[in-house]
C-alpha cells in the first residue's frame, strides 16, 4: 500500500489562515492561544501552533476542536473561513 501524501489541502490552508486571523483579532499571542488549548486538555506548544498557522503542520480534528474551543468559535468556522463584510 502506497503512503498517503501529507500535503495540506485547500481546506487545511483555509483553517490555518482562519486560526491566525481569529487569534490576532482577539489580541492573543501564539503562546497565549497554545496555553488555552493546553488548558483544555490538548497539549500544544506555541511552536506547534505556529507551524499549524503557517500550514507546515497538519491540524488533526482533535487540534481543530480544541483550538476552536479556545477561540470560542465552532470548528466549522475554522473550516469555512472568516466572514468578511
PDB file of N, CA and C in Angstrom:
ATOM      1  N   UNK A   1       0.847  -1.183   0.000  1.00  0.00           N
ATOM      2  CA  UNK A   1       0.000   0.000   0.000  1.00  0.00           C
ATOM      3  C   UNK A   1       0.889   1.243   0.000  1.00  0.00           C
ATOM      4  N   UNK A   2       0.592   2.157  -0.886  1.00  0.00           N
ATOM      5  CA  UNK A   2       1.389   3.383  -1.009  1.00  0.00           C
ATOM      6  C   UNK A   2       1.105   4.321   0.164  1.00  0.00           C
ATOM      7  N   UNK A   3       2.130   5.039   0.585  1.00  0.00           N
ATOM      8  CA  UNK A   3       1.977   6.011   1.667  1.00  0.00           C
ATOM      9  C   UNK A   3       1.125   7.185   1.198  1.00  0.00           C
ATOM     10  N   UNK A   4       0.269   7.657   2.085  1.00  0.00           N
ATOM     11  CA  UNK A   4      -0.595   8.787   1.755  1.00  0.00           C
ATOM     12  C   UNK A   4       0.185  10.089   1.857  1.00  0.00           C
ATOM     13  N   UNK A   5      -0.063  10.980   0.934  1.00  0.00           N
ATOM     14  CA  UNK A   5       0.607  12.273   0.928  1.00  0.00           C
ATOM     15  C   UNK A   5       0.237  13.071   2.171  1.00  0.00           C
ATOM     16  N   UNK A   6       1.195  13.788   2.726  1.00  0.00           N
ATOM     17  CA  UNK A   6       0.947  14.634   3.886  1.00  0.00           C
ATOM     18  C   UNK A   6       0.737  16.083   3.487  1.00  0.00           C
ATOM     19  N   UNK A   7       0.572  16.310   2.206  1.00  0.00           N
ATOM     20  CA  UNK A   7       0.345  17.671   1.720  1.00  0.00           C
ATOM     21  C   UNK A   7      -0.935  18.227   2.318  1.00  0.00           C
ATOM     22  N   UNK A   8      -0.896  19.476   2.704  1.00  0.00           N
ATOM     23  CA  UNK A   8      -2.063  20.128   3.286  1.00  0.00           C
ATOM     24  C   UNK A   8      -2.901  20.694   2.153  1.00  0.00           C
ATOM     25  N   UNK A   9      -4.169  20.323   2.144  1.00  0.00           N
ATOM     26  CA  UNK A   9      -5.079  20.733   1.083  1.00  0.00           C
ATOM     27  C   UNK A   9      -5.658  22.115   1.306  1.00  0.00           C
ATOM     28  N   UNK A  10      -6.530  22.548   0.405  1.00  0.00           N
ATOM     29  CA  UNK A  10      -7.072  23.906   0.468  1.00  0.00           C
ATOM     30  C   UNK A  10      -7.893  24.193   1.731  1.00  0.00           C
ATOM     31  N   UNK A  11      -8.625  23.212   2.242  1.00  0.00           N
ATOM     32  CA  UNK A  11      -9.399  23.449   3.462  1.00  0.00           C
ATOM     33  C   UNK A  11      -8.471  23.565   4.660  1.00  0.00           C
ATOM     34  N   UNK A  12      -7.427  22.770   4.692  1.00  0.00           N
ATOM     35  CA  UNK A  12      -6.436  22.868   5.765  1.00  0.00           C
ATOM     36  C   UNK A  12      -5.734  24.215   5.751  1.00  0.00           C
ATOM     37  N   UNK A  13      -5.429  24.704   4.568  1.00  0.00           N
ATOM     38  CA  UNK A  13      -4.790  26.021   4.439  1.00  0.00           C
ATOM     39  C   UNK A  13      -5.751  27.113   4.877  1.00  0.00           C
ATOM     40  N   UNK A  14      -7.019  26.995   4.500  1.00  0.00           N
ATOM     41  CA  UNK A  14      -8.029  27.969   4.921  1.00  0.00           C
ATOM     42  C   UNK A  14      -8.171  27.970   6.445  1.00  0.00           C
ATOM     43  N   UNK A  15      -8.215  26.781   7.052  1.00  0.00           N
ATOM     44  CA  UNK A  15      -8.328  26.683   8.514  1.00  0.00           C
ATOM     45  C   UNK A  15      -7.120  27.322   9.189  1.00  0.00           C
ATOM     46  N   UNK A  16      -5.937  27.064   8.653  1.00  0.00           N
ATOM     47  CA  UNK A  16      -4.720  27.644   9.224  1.00  0.00           C
ATOM     48  C   UNK A  16      -4.784  29.166   9.197  1.00  0.00           C
ATOM     49  N   UNK A  17      -5.191  29.714   8.087  1.00  0.00           N
ATOM     50  CA  UNK A  17      -5.292  31.176   7.945  1.00  0.00           C
ATOM     51  C   UNK A  17      -6.365  31.744   8.883  1.00  0.00           C
ATOM     52  N   UNK A  18      -7.479  31.038   8.994  1.00  0.00           N
ATOM     53  CA  UNK A  18      -8.565  31.494   9.860  1.00  0.00           C
ATOM     54  C   UNK A  18      -8.142  31.482  11.325  1.00  0.00           C
ATOM     55  N   UNK A  19      -7.403  30.464  11.734  1.00  0.00           N
ATOM     56  CA  UNK A  19      -6.900  30.411  13.108  1.00  0.00           C
ATOM     57  C   UNK A  19      -6.047  31.644  13.383  1.00  0.00           C
ATOM     58  N   UNK A  20      -5.162  31.962  12.471  1.00  0.00           N
ATOM     59  CA  UNK A  20      -4.292  33.131  12.661  1.00  0.00           C
ATOM     60  C   UNK A  20      -5.108  34.426  12.718  1.00  0.00           C
ATOM     61  N   UNK A  21      -6.066  34.563  11.824  1.00  0.00           N
ATOM     62  CA  UNK A  21      -6.890  35.778  11.787  1.00  0.00           C
ATOM     63  C   UNK A  21      -7.659  35.943  13.099  1.00  0.00           C
ATOM     64  N   UNK A  22      -8.335  34.887  13.532  1.00  0.00           N
ATOM     65  CA  UNK A  22      -9.126  34.982  14.756  1.00  0.00           C
ATOM     66  C   UNK A  22      -8.244  35.220  15.987  1.00  0.00           C
ATOM     67  N   UNK A  23      -7.089  34.577  16.015  1.00  0.00           N
ATOM     68  CA  UNK A  23      -6.165  34.772  17.136  1.00  0.00           C
ATOM     69  C   UNK A  23      -5.728  36.228  17.221  1.00  0.00           C
ATOM     70  N   UNK A  24      -5.351  36.816  16.099  1.00  0.00           N
ATOM     71  CA  UNK A  24      -4.880  38.204  16.121  1.00  0.00           C
ATOM     72  C   UNK A  24      -6.029  39.173  16.385  1.00  0.00           C
ATOM     73  N   UNK A  25      -7.230  38.880  15.862  1.00  0.00           N
ATOM     74  CA  UNK A  25      -8.388  39.734  16.153  1.00  0.00           C
ATOM     75  C   UNK A  25      -8.695  39.771  17.652  1.00  0.00           C
ATOM     76  N   UNK A  26      -8.407  38.687  18.324  1.00  0.00           N
ATOM     77  CA  UNK A  26      -8.665  38.608  19.756  1.00  0.00           C
ATOM     78  C   UNK A  26      -7.490  39.110  20.591  1.00  0.00           C
ATOM     79  N   UNK A  27      -6.444  39.552  19.914  1.00  0.00           N
ATOM     80  CA  UNK A  27      -5.283  40.099  20.612  1.00  0.00           C
ATOM     81  C   UNK A  27      -4.466  39.063  21.362  1.00  0.00           C
ATOM     82  N   UNK A  28      -4.473  37.833  20.875  1.00  0.00           N
ATOM     83  CA  UNK A  28      -3.745  36.757  21.539  1.00  0.00           C
ATOM     84  C   UNK A  28      -2.419  36.479  20.834  1.00  0.00           C
ATOM     85  N   UNK A  29      -1.384  36.301  21.614  1.00  0.00           N
ATOM     86  CA  UNK A  29      -0.112  35.816  21.078  1.00  0.00           C
ATOM     87  C   UNK A  29      -0.247  34.311  20.859  1.00  0.00           C
ATOM     88  N   UNK A  30       0.602  33.752  20.017  1.00  0.00           N
ATOM     89  CA  UNK A  30       0.566  32.308  19.794  1.00  0.00           C
ATOM     90  C   UNK A  30       0.745  31.569  21.112  1.00  0.00           C
ATOM     91  N   UNK A  31       1.626  32.045  21.955  1.00  0.00           N
ATOM     92  CA  UNK A  31       1.875  31.400  23.246  1.00  0.00           C
ATOM     93  C   UNK A  31       0.596  31.387  24.100  1.00  0.00           C
ATOM     94  N   UNK A  32      -0.167  32.473  24.054  1.00  0.00           N
ATOM     95  CA  UNK A  32      -1.407  32.546  24.835  1.00  0.00           C
ATOM     96  C   UNK A  32      -2.445  31.561  24.327  1.00  0.00           C
ATOM     97  N   UNK A  33      -2.625  31.503  23.006  1.00  0.00           N
ATOM     98  CA  UNK A  33      -3.601  30.569  22.452  1.00  0.00           C
ATOM     99  C   UNK A  33      -3.160  29.130  22.713  1.00  0.00           C
ATOM    100  N   UNK A  34      -1.894  28.839  22.534  1.00  0.00           N
ATOM    101  CA  UNK A  34      -1.391  27.494  22.804  1.00  0.00           C
ATOM    102  C   UNK A  34      -1.631  27.134  24.275  1.00  0.00           C
ATOM    103  N   UNK A  35      -1.467  28.090  25.165  1.00  0.00           N
ATOM    104  CA  UNK A  35      -1.734  27.864  26.585  1.00  0.00           C
ATOM    105  C   UNK A  35      -3.193  27.552  26.844  1.00  0.00           C
ATOM    106  N   UNK A  36      -4.082  28.255  26.162  1.00  0.00           N
ATOM    107  CA  UNK A  36      -5.523  27.983  26.307  1.00  0.00           C
ATOM    108  C   UNK A  36      -5.864  26.582  25.819  1.00  0.00           C
ATOM    109  N   UNK A  37      -5.283  26.204  24.676  1.00  0.00           N
ATOM    110  CA  UNK A  37      -5.533  24.877  24.116  1.00  0.00           C
ATOM    111  C   UNK A  37      -5.024  23.807  25.086  1.00  0.00           C
ATOM    112  N   UNK A  38      -3.843  24.016  25.627  1.00  0.00           N
ATOM    113  CA  UNK A  38      -3.266  23.079  26.591  1.00  0.00           C
ATOM    114  C   UNK A  38      -4.143  22.969  27.833  1.00  0.00           C
ATOM    115  N   UNK A  39      -4.650  24.100  28.312  1.00  0.00           N
ATOM    116  CA  UNK A  39      -5.517  24.113  29.494  1.00  0.00           C
ATOM    117  C   UNK A  39      -6.808  23.329  29.250  1.00  0.00           C
ATOM    118  N   UNK A  40      -7.209  23.217  27.992  1.00  0.00           N
ATOM    119  CA  UNK A  40      -8.404  22.454  27.635  1.00  0.00           C
ATOM    120  C   UNK A  40      -8.117  20.955  27.517  1.00  0.00           C
ATOM    121  N   UNK A  41      -6.872  20.573  27.740  1.00  0.00           N
ATOM    122  CA  UNK A  41      -6.519  19.152  27.725  1.00  0.00           C
ATOM    123  C   UNK A  41      -5.867  18.659  26.454  1.00  0.00           C
ATOM    124  N   UNK A  42      -5.556  19.561  25.547  1.00  0.00           N
ATOM    125  CA  UNK A  42      -4.877  19.182  24.296  1.00  0.00           C
ATOM    126  C   UNK A  42      -3.514  19.871  24.304  1.00  0.00           C
ATOM    127  N   UNK A  43      -2.468  19.197  24.813  1.00  0.00           N
ATOM    128  CA  UNK A  43      -1.156  19.845  24.902  1.00  0.00           C
ATOM    129  C   UNK A  43      -0.691  20.416  23.561  1.00  0.00           C
ATOM    130  N   UNK A  44      -0.300  21.703  23.589  1.00  0.00           N
ATOM    131  CA  UNK A  44       0.145  22.375  22.365  1.00  0.00           C
ATOM    132  C   UNK A  44       1.161  23.444  22.741  1.00  0.00           C
ATOM    133  N   UNK A  45       2.274  23.448  22.051  1.00  0.00           N
ATOM    134  CA  UNK A  45       3.280  24.488  22.259  1.00  0.00           C
ATOM    135  C   UNK A  45       3.031  25.617  21.260  1.00  0.00           C
ATOM    136  N   UNK A  46       3.636  26.770  21.531  1.00  0.00           N
ATOM    137  CA  UNK A  46       3.486  27.864  20.570  1.00  0.00           C
ATOM    138  C   UNK A  46       4.165  27.506  19.247  1.00  0.00           C
ATOM    139  N   UNK A  47       5.191  26.668  19.276  1.00  0.00           N
ATOM    140  CA  UNK A  47       5.841  26.223  18.040  1.00  0.00           C
ATOM    141  C   UNK A  47       4.880  25.374  17.209  1.00  0.00           C
ATOM    142  N   UNK A  48       4.149  24.483  17.862  1.00  0.00           N
ATOM    143  CA  UNK A  48       3.167  23.667  17.141  1.00  0.00           C
ATOM    144  C   UNK A  48       2.105  24.561  16.510  1.00  0.00           C
ATOM    145  N   UNK A  49       1.604  25.532  17.280  1.00  0.00           N
ATOM    146  CA  UNK A  49       0.580  26.440  16.758  1.00  0.00           C
ATOM    147  C   UNK A  49       1.126  27.252  15.593  1.00  0.00           C
ATOM    148  N   UNK A  50       2.351  27.723  15.711  1.00  0.00           N
ATOM    149  CA  UNK A  50       2.974  28.485  14.631  1.00  0.00           C
ATOM    150  C   UNK A  50       3.043  27.651  13.350  1.00  0.00           C
ATOM    151  N   UNK A  51       3.423  26.396  13.490  1.00  0.00           N
ATOM    152  CA  UNK A  51       3.520  25.519  12.317  1.00  0.00           C
ATOM    153  C   UNK A  51       2.146  25.232  11.720  1.00  0.00           C
ATOM    154  N   UNK A  52       1.122  25.131  12.574  1.00  0.00           N
ATOM    155  CA  UNK A  52      -0.246  24.945  12.064  1.00  0.00           C
ATOM    156  C   UNK A  52      -0.665  26.184  11.278  1.00  0.00           C
ATOM    157  N   UNK A  53      -0.444  27.374  11.860  1.00  0.00           N
ATOM    158  CA  UNK A  53      -0.845  28.621  11.196  1.00  0.00           C
ATOM    159  C   UNK A  53      -0.119  28.834   9.869  1.00  0.00           C
ATOM    160  N   UNK A  54       1.104  28.367   9.756  1.00  0.00           N
ATOM    161  CA  UNK A  54       1.867  28.522   8.514  1.00  0.00           C
ATOM    162  C   UNK A  54       1.656  27.353   7.557  1.00  0.00           C
ATOM    163  N   UNK A  55       0.717  26.460   7.911  1.00  0.00           N
ATOM    164  CA  UNK A  55       0.407  25.270   7.103  1.00  0.00           C
ATOM    165  C   UNK A  55       1.652  24.409   6.876  1.00  0.00           C
ATOM    166  N   UNK A  56       2.478  24.326   7.907  1.00  0.00           N
ATOM    167  CA  UNK A  56       3.648  23.448   7.865  1.00  0.00           C
ATOM    168  C   UNK A  56       3.423  22.205   8.714  1.00  0.00           C
ATOM    169  N   UNK A  57       2.296  22.166   9.413  1.00  0.00           N
ATOM    170  CA  UNK A  57       1.924  21.021  10.241  1.00  0.00           C
ATOM    171  C   UNK A  57       0.430  20.793  10.059  1.00  0.00           C
ATOM    172  N   UNK A  58       0.066  19.537   9.852  1.00  0.00           N
ATOM    173  CA  UNK A  58      -1.350  19.207   9.713  1.00  0.00           C
ATOM    174  C   UNK A  58      -2.062  19.441  11.038  1.00  0.00           C
ATOM    175  N   UNK A  59      -3.264  19.917  10.962  1.00  0.00           N
ATOM    176  CA  UNK A  59      -4.110  20.162  12.131  1.00  0.00           C
ATOM    177  C   UNK A  59      -5.138  19.042  12.174  1.00  0.00           C
ATOM    178  N   UNK A  60      -4.954  18.078  13.090  1.00  0.00           N
ATOM    179  CA  UNK A  60      -5.918  16.982  13.133  1.00  0.00           C
ATOM    180  C   UNK A  60      -7.214  17.447  13.790  1.00  0.00           C
ATOM    181  N   UNK A  61      -8.226  16.607  13.773  1.00  0.00           N
ATOM    182  CA  UNK A  61      -9.540  17.028  14.265  1.00  0.00           C
ATOM    183  C   UNK A  61      -9.528  17.365  15.749  1.00  0.00           C
ATOM    184  N   UNK A  62      -8.699  16.684  16.523  1.00  0.00           N
ATOM    185  CA  UNK A  62      -8.610  16.993  17.948  1.00  0.00           C
ATOM    186  C   UNK A  62      -7.997  18.372  18.168  1.00  0.00           C
ATOM    187  N   UNK A  63      -6.947  18.683  17.394  1.00  0.00           N
ATOM    188  CA  UNK A  63      -6.349  20.030  17.457  1.00  0.00           C
ATOM    189  C   UNK A  63      -7.377  21.073  17.043  1.00  0.00           C
ATOM    190  N   UNK A  64      -8.065  20.813  15.943  1.00  0.00           N
ATOM    191  CA  UNK A  64      -9.041  21.757  15.408  1.00  0.00           C
ATOM    192  C   UNK A  64     -10.141  22.050  16.432  1.00  0.00           C
ATOM    193  N   UNK A  65     -10.661  20.999  17.059  1.00  0.00           N
ATOM    194  CA  UNK A  65     -11.736  21.178  18.040  1.00  0.00           C
ATOM    195  C   UNK A  65     -11.241  21.966  19.257  1.00  0.00           C
ATOM    196  N   UNK A  66     -10.049  21.673  19.733  1.00  0.00           N
ATOM    197  CA  UNK A  66      -9.513  22.377  20.906  1.00  0.00           C
ATOM    198  C   UNK A  66      -9.192  23.833  20.579  1.00  0.00           C
ATOM    199  N   UNK A  67      -8.630  24.095  19.402  1.00  0.00           N
ATOM    200  CA  UNK A  67      -8.331  25.472  19.001  1.00  0.00           C
ATOM    201  C   UNK A  67      -9.633  26.261  18.867  1.00  0.00           C
ATOM    202  N   UNK A  68     -10.641  25.649  18.260  1.00  0.00           N
ATOM    203  CA  UNK A  68     -11.936  26.321  18.109  1.00  0.00           C
ATOM    204  C   UNK A  68     -12.516  26.661  19.482  1.00  0.00           C
ATOM    205  N   UNK A  69     -12.467  25.714  20.407  1.00  0.00           N
ATOM    206  CA  UNK A  69     -12.993  25.959  21.750  1.00  0.00           C
ATOM    207  C   UNK A  69     -12.224  27.084  22.435  1.00  0.00           C
ATOM    208  N   UNK A  70     -10.905  27.087  22.276  1.00  0.00           N
ATOM    209  CA  UNK A  70     -10.078  28.134  22.880  1.00  0.00           C
ATOM    210  C   UNK A  70     -10.372  29.508  22.280  1.00  0.00           C
ATOM    211  N   UNK A  71     -10.777  29.539  21.013  1.00  0.00           N
ATOM    212  CA  UNK A  71     -11.119  30.799  20.343  1.00  0.00           C
ATOM    213  C   UNK A  71     -12.607  31.147  20.478  1.00  0.00           C
ATOM    214  N   UNK A  72     -13.357  30.261  21.158  1.00  0.00           N
ATOM    215  CA  UNK A  72     -14.794  30.468  21.384  1.00  0.00           C
ATOM    216  C   UNK A  72     -15.594  30.523  20.083  1.00  0.00           C
ATOM    217  N   UNK A  73     -15.243  29.632  19.156  1.00  0.00           N
ATOM    218  CA  UNK A  73     -15.983  29.505  17.899  1.00  0.00           C
ATOM    219  C   UNK A  73     -16.244  28.023  17.631  1.00  0.00           C
ATOM    220  N   UNK A  74     -17.126  27.764  16.701  1.00  0.00           N
ATOM    221  CA  UNK A  74     -17.383  26.403  16.257  1.00  0.00           C
ATOM    222  C   UNK A  74     -16.217  25.938  15.373  1.00  0.00           C
ATOM    223  N   UNK A  75     -15.881  24.655  15.413  1.00  0.00           N
ATOM    224  CA  UNK A  75     -14.863  24.146  14.481  1.00  0.00           C
ATOM    225  C   UNK A  75     -15.235  24.443  13.023  1.00  0.00           C
ATOM    226  N   UNK A  76     -16.524  24.502  12.744  1.00  0.00           N
ATOM    227  CA  UNK A  76     -16.978  24.805  11.381  1.00  0.00           C
ATOM    228  C   UNK A  76     -16.490  26.173  10.923  1.00  0.00           C
ATOM    229  N   UNK A  77     -16.428  27.133  11.828  1.00  0.00           N
ATOM    230  CA  UNK A  77     -15.929  28.477  11.485  1.00  0.00           C
ATOM    231  C   UNK A  77     -14.492  28.372  10.980  1.00  0.00           C
ATOM    232  N   UNK A  78     -13.687  27.531  11.623  1.00  0.00           N
ATOM    233  CA  UNK A  78     -12.287  27.394  11.198  1.00  0.00           C
ATOM    234  C   UNK A  78     -12.191  26.748   9.821  1.00  0.00           C
ATOM    235  N   UNK A  79     -13.097  25.839   9.526  1.00  0.00           N
ATOM    236  CA  UNK A  79     -13.068  25.167   8.229  1.00  0.00           C
ATOM    237  C   UNK A  79     -13.610  26.041   7.101  1.00  0.00           C
ATOM    238  N   UNK A  80     -14.600  26.864   7.417  1.00  0.00           N
ATOM    239  CA  UNK A  80     -15.232  27.687   6.385  1.00  0.00           C
ATOM    240  C   UNK A  80     -14.475  28.994   6.130  1.00  0.00           C
ATOM    241  N   UNK A  81     -13.740  29.451   7.090  1.00  0.00           N
ATOM    242  CA  UNK A  81     -13.016  30.701   6.933  1.00  0.00           C
ATOM    243  C   UNK A  81     -13.773  31.857   7.568  1.00  0.00           C
ATOM    244  N   UNK A  82     -13.076  32.954   7.779  1.00  0.00           N
ATOM    245  CA  UNK A  82     -13.702  34.101   8.430  1.00  0.00           C
ATOM    246  C   UNK A  82     -14.750  34.746   7.531  1.00  0.00           C
ATOM    247  N   UNK A  83     -15.751  35.314   8.159  1.00  0.00           N
ATOM    248  CA  UNK A  83     -16.776  36.033   7.411  1.00  0.00           C
ATOM    249  C   UNK A  83     -16.251  37.442   7.148  1.00  0.00           C
ATOM    250  N   UNK A  84     -16.244  37.816   5.889  1.00  0.00           N
ATOM    251  CA  UNK A  84     -15.751  39.141   5.537  1.00  0.00           C
ATOM    252  C   UNK A  84     -16.939  40.023   5.150  1.00  0.00           C
ATOM    253  N   UNK A  85     -16.918  41.274   5.587  1.00  0.00           N
ATOM    254  CA  UNK A  85     -18.034  42.176   5.274  1.00  0.00           C
ATOM    255  C   UNK A  85     -18.109  42.528   3.806  1.00  0.00           C
TER     256      UNK A  85
END
